[in-house]
Amino acid sequence: MKELMKMGRQMGKTTSSLETLRDLVTNVTSPMALVLSEGQFLGQTYYCVEPQGWAYAGRFSWADMITWCETTLDRMPGPLTTDPRWFVSGKWFCFRNEADRMMFVLRWA
């Protein structure tokens, strides 16, 4: 917190932009949270992650997370896929394998 205050004082000397300071505080104090859960899809257990606060973290976008899944795991499954390795459902990323979920968490934490 001392570093944040020091940066704020330095910014005050060079600019009077409260918006810049507010953005800095938001990015430091509102990191993205990853909420983990499990769910069932077509009789299989899926390991899910709900990214919370990603829009405020300012480091990446929802599209970045989907692109990472497609390049690291597999293309996004179609709507009629019965055994997808991963899929997005509303605000959840769901993975068939717990190891895939862990890779996602390690990448975006």
N, C-alpha and C. Protein backbone atom coordinates (compact mmCIF):
# COMPACT_ATOMS: atom_id res chain seq x y z
N MET A 1 0.83 -1.19 0.00
CA MET A 1 0.00 0.00 0.00
C MET A 1 0.87 1.26 0.00
N LYS A 2 2.03 1.17 0.70
CA LYS A 2 2.93 2.33 0.71
C LYS A 2 3.41 2.65 -0.69
N GLU A 3 3.71 1.60 -1.46
CA GLU A 3 4.17 1.82 -2.84
C GLU A 3 3.08 2.51 -3.66
N LEU A 4 1.84 2.10 -3.46
CA LEU A 4 0.72 2.70 -4.18
C LEU A 4 0.60 4.18 -3.83
N MET A 5 0.73 4.50 -2.53
CA MET A 5 0.63 5.90 -2.12
C MET A 5 1.79 6.71 -2.69
N LYS A 6 2.99 6.12 -2.68
CA LYS A 6 4.15 6.81 -3.24
C LYS A 6 3.95 7.10 -4.72
N MET A 7 3.44 6.09 -5.45
CA MET A 7 3.17 6.28 -6.88
C MET A 7 2.12 7.37 -7.08
N GLY A 8 1.11 7.39 -6.22
CA GLY A 8 0.07 8.40 -6.32
C GLY A 8 0.62 9.80 -6.11
N ARG A 9 1.52 9.96 -5.12
CA ARG A 9 2.13 11.28 -4.88
C ARG A 9 2.97 11.70 -6.07
N GLN A 10 3.72 10.75 -6.64
CA GLN A 10 4.55 11.08 -7.80
C GLN A 10 3.67 11.46 -8.99
N MET A 11 2.55 10.74 -9.16
CA MET A 11 1.66 11.06 -10.27
C MET A 11 1.05 12.44 -10.08
N GLY A 12 0.76 12.82 -8.81
CA GLY A 12 0.19 14.12 -8.53
C GLY A 12 1.12 15.25 -8.93
N LYS A 13 2.41 15.00 -8.89
CA LYS A 13 3.38 16.02 -9.27
C LYS A 13 3.41 16.22 -10.78
N THR A 14 3.12 15.16 -11.51
CA THR A 14 3.23 15.25 -12.96
C THR A 14 1.90 15.42 -13.66
N THR A 15 0.81 15.03 -13.01
CA THR A 15 -0.50 15.15 -13.64
C THR A 15 -1.57 15.30 -12.57
N SER A 16 -2.65 15.89 -12.92
CA SER A 16 -3.75 16.02 -11.97
C SER A 16 -4.87 15.06 -12.31
N SER A 17 -4.55 13.99 -13.02
CA SER A 17 -5.57 13.06 -13.48
C SER A 17 -5.98 12.08 -12.38
N LEU A 18 -7.13 12.33 -11.78
CA LEU A 18 -7.65 11.40 -10.78
C LEU A 18 -8.07 10.08 -11.42
N GLU A 19 -8.45 10.14 -12.68
CA GLU A 19 -8.87 8.93 -13.38
C GLU A 19 -7.72 7.93 -13.48
N THR A 20 -6.52 8.42 -13.76
CA THR A 20 -5.36 7.54 -13.85
C THR A 20 -5.08 6.88 -12.52
N LEU A 21 -5.16 7.63 -11.43
CA LEU A 21 -4.93 7.08 -10.10
C LEU A 21 -6.03 6.07 -9.76
N ARG A 22 -7.27 6.37 -10.09
CA ARG A 22 -8.37 5.44 -9.82
C ARG A 22 -8.16 4.13 -10.58
N ASP A 23 -7.73 4.21 -11.84
CA ASP A 23 -7.45 3.00 -12.61
C ASP A 23 -6.33 2.19 -11.98
N LEU A 24 -5.32 2.87 -11.50
CA LEU A 24 -4.20 2.19 -10.84
C LEU A 24 -4.67 1.46 -9.60
N VAL A 25 -5.46 2.14 -8.76
CA VAL A 25 -5.97 1.52 -7.54
C VAL A 25 -6.87 0.35 -7.88
N THR A 26 -7.72 0.49 -8.87
CA THR A 26 -8.62 -0.59 -9.26
C THR A 26 -7.84 -1.82 -9.70
N ASN A 27 -6.79 -1.61 -10.49
CA ASN A 27 -6.01 -2.74 -10.97
C ASN A 27 -5.24 -3.42 -9.85
N VAL A 28 -4.85 -2.69 -8.82
CA VAL A 28 -4.09 -3.28 -7.73
C VAL A 28 -5.02 -3.95 -6.73
N THR A 29 -6.15 -3.33 -6.43
CA THR A 29 -7.00 -3.84 -5.36
C THR A 29 -8.11 -4.76 -5.84
N SER A 30 -8.33 -4.88 -7.14
CA SER A 30 -9.41 -5.72 -7.65
C SER A 30 -8.88 -6.76 -8.63
N PRO A 31 -8.07 -7.68 -8.15
CA PRO A 31 -7.57 -8.70 -9.07
C PRO A 31 -8.69 -9.65 -9.47
N MET A 32 -8.46 -10.36 -10.53
CA MET A 32 -9.45 -11.33 -10.97
C MET A 32 -9.45 -12.51 -10.00
N ALA A 33 -10.63 -12.96 -9.64
CA ALA A 33 -10.78 -14.16 -8.81
C ALA A 33 -11.23 -15.30 -9.71
N LEU A 34 -10.78 -16.49 -9.40
CA LEU A 34 -11.18 -17.68 -10.14
C LEU A 34 -11.93 -18.59 -9.17
N VAL A 35 -13.23 -18.70 -9.37
CA VAL A 35 -14.07 -19.51 -8.51
C VAL A 35 -14.17 -20.90 -9.12
N LEU A 36 -13.81 -21.92 -8.34
CA LEU A 36 -13.79 -23.30 -8.84
C LEU A 36 -15.03 -24.04 -8.37
N SER A 37 -15.53 -24.92 -9.24
CA SER A 37 -16.67 -25.77 -8.88
C SER A 37 -16.65 -27.00 -9.78
N GLU A 38 -17.56 -27.89 -9.52
CA GLU A 38 -17.75 -29.07 -10.35
C GLU A 38 -19.21 -29.13 -10.77
N GLY A 39 -19.45 -29.68 -11.96
CA GLY A 39 -20.81 -29.81 -12.45
C GLY A 39 -20.94 -31.03 -13.34
N GLN A 40 -22.15 -31.37 -13.68
CA GLN A 40 -22.44 -32.51 -14.54
C GLN A 40 -22.91 -32.03 -15.90
N PHE A 41 -22.41 -32.68 -16.93
CA PHE A 41 -22.86 -32.41 -18.30
C PHE A 41 -22.95 -33.75 -19.02
N LEU A 42 -24.14 -34.12 -19.45
CA LEU A 42 -24.39 -35.40 -20.12
C LEU A 42 -23.81 -36.57 -19.33
N GLY A 43 -24.00 -36.52 -18.01
CA GLY A 43 -23.59 -37.62 -17.15
C GLY A 43 -22.12 -37.64 -16.78
N GLN A 44 -21.34 -36.68 -17.23
CA GLN A 44 -19.92 -36.62 -16.91
C GLN A 44 -19.65 -35.46 -15.97
N THR A 45 -18.67 -35.65 -15.10
CA THR A 45 -18.24 -34.56 -14.22
C THR A 45 -17.33 -33.62 -14.99
N TYR A 46 -17.60 -32.34 -14.87
CA TYR A 46 -16.75 -31.31 -15.46
C TYR A 46 -16.26 -30.40 -14.35
N TYR A 47 -15.01 -29.96 -14.50
CA TYR A 47 -14.36 -29.10 -13.53
C TYR A 47 -14.42 -27.67 -14.08
N CYS A 48 -15.09 -26.80 -13.35
CA CYS A 48 -15.42 -25.48 -13.89
C CYS A 48 -14.69 -24.36 -13.16
N VAL A 49 -14.53 -23.26 -13.89
CA VAL A 49 -13.90 -22.05 -13.36
C VAL A 49 -14.78 -20.86 -13.77
N GLU A 50 -15.10 -20.02 -12.80
CA GLU A 50 -15.80 -18.78 -13.09
C GLU A 50 -14.84 -17.61 -12.84
N PRO A 51 -14.33 -17.01 -13.92
CA PRO A 51 -13.48 -15.83 -13.72
C PRO A 51 -14.35 -14.65 -13.27
N GLN A 52 -14.01 -14.07 -12.13
CA GLN A 52 -14.74 -12.91 -11.62
C GLN A 52 -13.80 -11.72 -11.58
N GLY A 53 -14.27 -10.60 -12.05
CA GLY A 53 -13.47 -9.38 -12.03
C GLY A 53 -12.50 -9.26 -13.19
N TRP A 54 -12.59 -10.15 -14.17
CA TRP A 54 -11.65 -10.11 -15.29
C TRP A 54 -11.77 -8.81 -16.08
N ALA A 55 -12.97 -8.26 -16.16
CA ALA A 55 -13.15 -7.02 -16.92
C ALA A 55 -12.46 -5.85 -16.24
N TYR A 56 -12.25 -5.95 -14.94
CA TYR A 56 -11.64 -4.86 -14.19
C TYR A 56 -10.14 -5.04 -14.02
N ALA A 57 -9.66 -6.27 -14.23
CA ALA A 57 -8.24 -6.54 -14.04
C ALA A 57 -7.40 -5.80 -15.07
N GLY A 58 -7.96 -5.59 -16.27
CA GLY A 58 -7.29 -4.78 -17.28
C GLY A 58 -6.10 -5.43 -17.94
N ARG A 59 -5.84 -6.68 -17.64
CA ARG A 59 -4.67 -7.34 -18.20
C ARG A 59 -5.00 -8.16 -19.43
N PHE A 60 -6.24 -8.59 -19.58
CA PHE A 60 -6.64 -9.46 -20.68
C PHE A 60 -8.15 -9.41 -20.82
N SER A 61 -8.65 -10.08 -21.85
CA SER A 61 -10.08 -10.06 -22.10
C SER A 61 -10.64 -11.49 -22.10
N TRP A 62 -11.95 -11.57 -22.11
CA TRP A 62 -12.63 -12.86 -22.20
C TRP A 62 -12.18 -13.60 -23.46
N ALA A 63 -12.05 -12.87 -24.56
CA ALA A 63 -11.61 -13.46 -25.82
C ALA A 63 -10.20 -14.04 -25.69
N ASP A 64 -9.33 -13.40 -24.90
CA ASP A 64 -7.99 -13.95 -24.66
C ASP A 64 -8.06 -15.32 -23.99
N MET A 65 -8.99 -15.47 -23.04
CA MET A 65 -9.13 -16.75 -22.33
C MET A 65 -9.63 -17.83 -23.29
N ILE A 66 -10.58 -17.49 -24.14
CA ILE A 66 -11.09 -18.47 -25.11
C ILE A 66 -10.00 -18.84 -26.11
N THR A 67 -9.26 -17.85 -26.59
CA THR A 67 -8.17 -18.12 -27.53
C THR A 67 -7.13 -19.04 -26.90
N TRP A 68 -6.80 -18.80 -25.64
CA TRP A 68 -5.84 -19.66 -24.95
C TRP A 68 -6.35 -21.10 -24.89
N CYS A 69 -7.62 -21.27 -24.55
CA CYS A 69 -8.20 -22.63 -24.50
C CYS A 69 -8.14 -23.30 -25.87
N GLU A 70 -8.45 -22.55 -26.92
CA GLU A 70 -8.44 -23.13 -28.26
C GLU A 70 -7.04 -23.51 -28.72
N THR A 71 -6.05 -22.70 -28.40
CA THR A 71 -4.69 -23.00 -28.85
C THR A 71 -4.00 -24.02 -27.96
N THR A 72 -4.34 -24.05 -26.68
CA THR A 72 -3.69 -24.96 -25.75
C THR A 72 -4.39 -26.31 -25.68
N LEU A 73 -5.71 -26.30 -25.69
CA LEU A 73 -6.46 -27.54 -25.48
C LEU A 73 -7.05 -28.09 -26.78
N ASP A 74 -7.90 -27.32 -27.41
CA ASP A 74 -8.58 -27.77 -28.62
C ASP A 74 -9.52 -26.66 -29.05
N ARG A 75 -9.97 -26.72 -30.31
CA ARG A 75 -10.94 -25.73 -30.78
C ARG A 75 -12.20 -25.78 -29.94
N MET A 76 -12.89 -24.65 -29.89
CA MET A 76 -14.14 -24.60 -29.14
C MET A 76 -15.13 -25.60 -29.74
N PRO A 77 -15.74 -26.43 -28.90
CA PRO A 77 -16.65 -27.44 -29.42
C PRO A 77 -17.93 -26.83 -29.99
N GLY A 78 -18.51 -27.54 -30.95
CA GLY A 78 -19.78 -27.12 -31.51
C GLY A 78 -20.92 -27.44 -30.57
N PRO A 79 -22.11 -26.93 -30.86
CA PRO A 79 -23.24 -27.11 -29.95
C PRO A 79 -23.72 -28.56 -29.83
N LEU A 80 -23.41 -29.42 -30.80
CA LEU A 80 -23.88 -30.79 -30.74
C LEU A 80 -22.81 -31.78 -30.27
N THR A 81 -21.69 -31.26 -29.83
CA THR A 81 -20.61 -32.12 -29.33
C THR A 81 -21.07 -32.77 -28.03
N THR A 82 -20.94 -34.11 -27.96
CA THR A 82 -21.44 -34.81 -26.78
C THR A 82 -20.37 -35.09 -25.73
N ASP A 83 -19.10 -34.92 -26.08
CA ASP A 83 -18.03 -35.21 -25.12
C ASP A 83 -16.91 -34.19 -25.26
N PRO A 84 -17.23 -32.90 -25.08
CA PRO A 84 -16.20 -31.89 -25.31
C PRO A 84 -15.12 -31.91 -24.23
N ARG A 85 -13.89 -31.61 -24.65
CA ARG A 85 -12.79 -31.50 -23.68
C ARG A 85 -12.99 -30.28 -22.80
N TRP A 86 -13.54 -29.22 -23.37
CA TRP A 86 -13.85 -28.01 -22.62
C TRP A 86 -14.97 -27.27 -23.33
N PHE A 87 -15.66 -26.41 -22.60
CA PHE A 87 -16.67 -25.55 -23.21
C PHE A 87 -16.92 -24.36 -22.29
N VAL A 88 -17.55 -23.34 -22.86
CA VAL A 88 -17.95 -22.16 -22.09
C VAL A 88 -19.46 -22.21 -21.96
N SER A 89 -19.93 -22.02 -20.74
CA SER A 89 -21.36 -22.00 -20.49
C SER A 89 -21.66 -20.75 -19.66
N GLY A 90 -22.19 -19.74 -20.31
CA GLY A 90 -22.46 -18.49 -19.61
C GLY A 90 -21.16 -17.88 -19.13
N LYS A 91 -21.01 -17.81 -17.82
CA LYS A 91 -19.80 -17.22 -17.24
C LYS A 91 -18.79 -18.26 -16.77
N TRP A 92 -19.00 -19.52 -17.14
CA TRP A 92 -18.15 -20.62 -16.69
C TRP A 92 -17.33 -21.21 -17.84
N PHE A 93 -16.07 -21.52 -17.54
CA PHE A 93 -15.24 -22.36 -18.40
C PHE A 93 -15.24 -23.73 -17.74
N CYS A 94 -15.66 -24.76 -18.48
CA CYS A 94 -15.77 -26.11 -17.91
C CYS A 94 -14.84 -27.05 -18.65
N PHE A 95 -14.13 -27.89 -17.89
CA PHE A 95 -13.11 -28.78 -18.43
C PHE A 95 -13.41 -30.21 -18.03
N ARG A 96 -13.27 -31.14 -18.98
CA ARG A 96 -13.51 -32.55 -18.70
C ARG A 96 -12.43 -33.10 -17.77
N ASN A 97 -11.21 -32.63 -17.93
CA ASN A 97 -10.09 -33.11 -17.11
C ASN A 97 -9.70 -32.07 -16.08
N GLU A 98 -9.50 -32.51 -14.86
CA GLU A 98 -9.10 -31.60 -13.80
C GLU A 98 -7.74 -30.95 -14.10
N ALA A 99 -6.86 -31.69 -14.79
CA ALA A 99 -5.54 -31.14 -15.14
C ALA A 99 -5.68 -29.96 -16.10
N ASP A 100 -6.65 -30.00 -17.02
CA ASP A 100 -6.89 -28.88 -17.93
C ASP A 100 -7.36 -27.65 -17.16
N ARG A 101 -8.23 -27.88 -16.18
CA ARG A 101 -8.68 -26.76 -15.35
C ARG A 101 -7.50 -26.16 -14.59
N MET A 102 -6.61 -27.00 -14.09
CA MET A 102 -5.46 -26.49 -13.35
C MET A 102 -4.56 -25.66 -14.26
N MET A 103 -4.36 -26.10 -15.50
CA MET A 103 -3.56 -25.30 -16.43
C MET A 103 -4.21 -23.94 -16.66
N PHE A 104 -5.54 -23.92 -16.81
CA PHE A 104 -6.27 -22.67 -17.00
C PHE A 104 -6.06 -21.75 -15.79
N VAL A 105 -6.21 -22.32 -14.60
CA VAL A 105 -6.06 -21.53 -13.38
C VAL A 105 -4.65 -20.97 -13.28
N LEU A 106 -3.65 -21.79 -13.55
CA LEU A 106 -2.27 -21.32 -13.47
C LEU A 106 -1.98 -20.23 -14.50
N ARG A 107 -2.60 -20.33 -15.66
CA ARG A 107 -2.38 -19.31 -16.71
C ARG A 107 -3.01 -17.98 -16.34
N TRP A 108 -4.22 -18.01 -15.78
CA TRP A 108 -4.98 -16.77 -15.59
C TRP A 108 -5.00 -16.25 -14.17
N ALA A 109 -4.36 -16.94 -13.26
CA ALA A 109 -4.33 -16.47 -11.85
C ALA A 109 -3.39 -15.29 -11.71
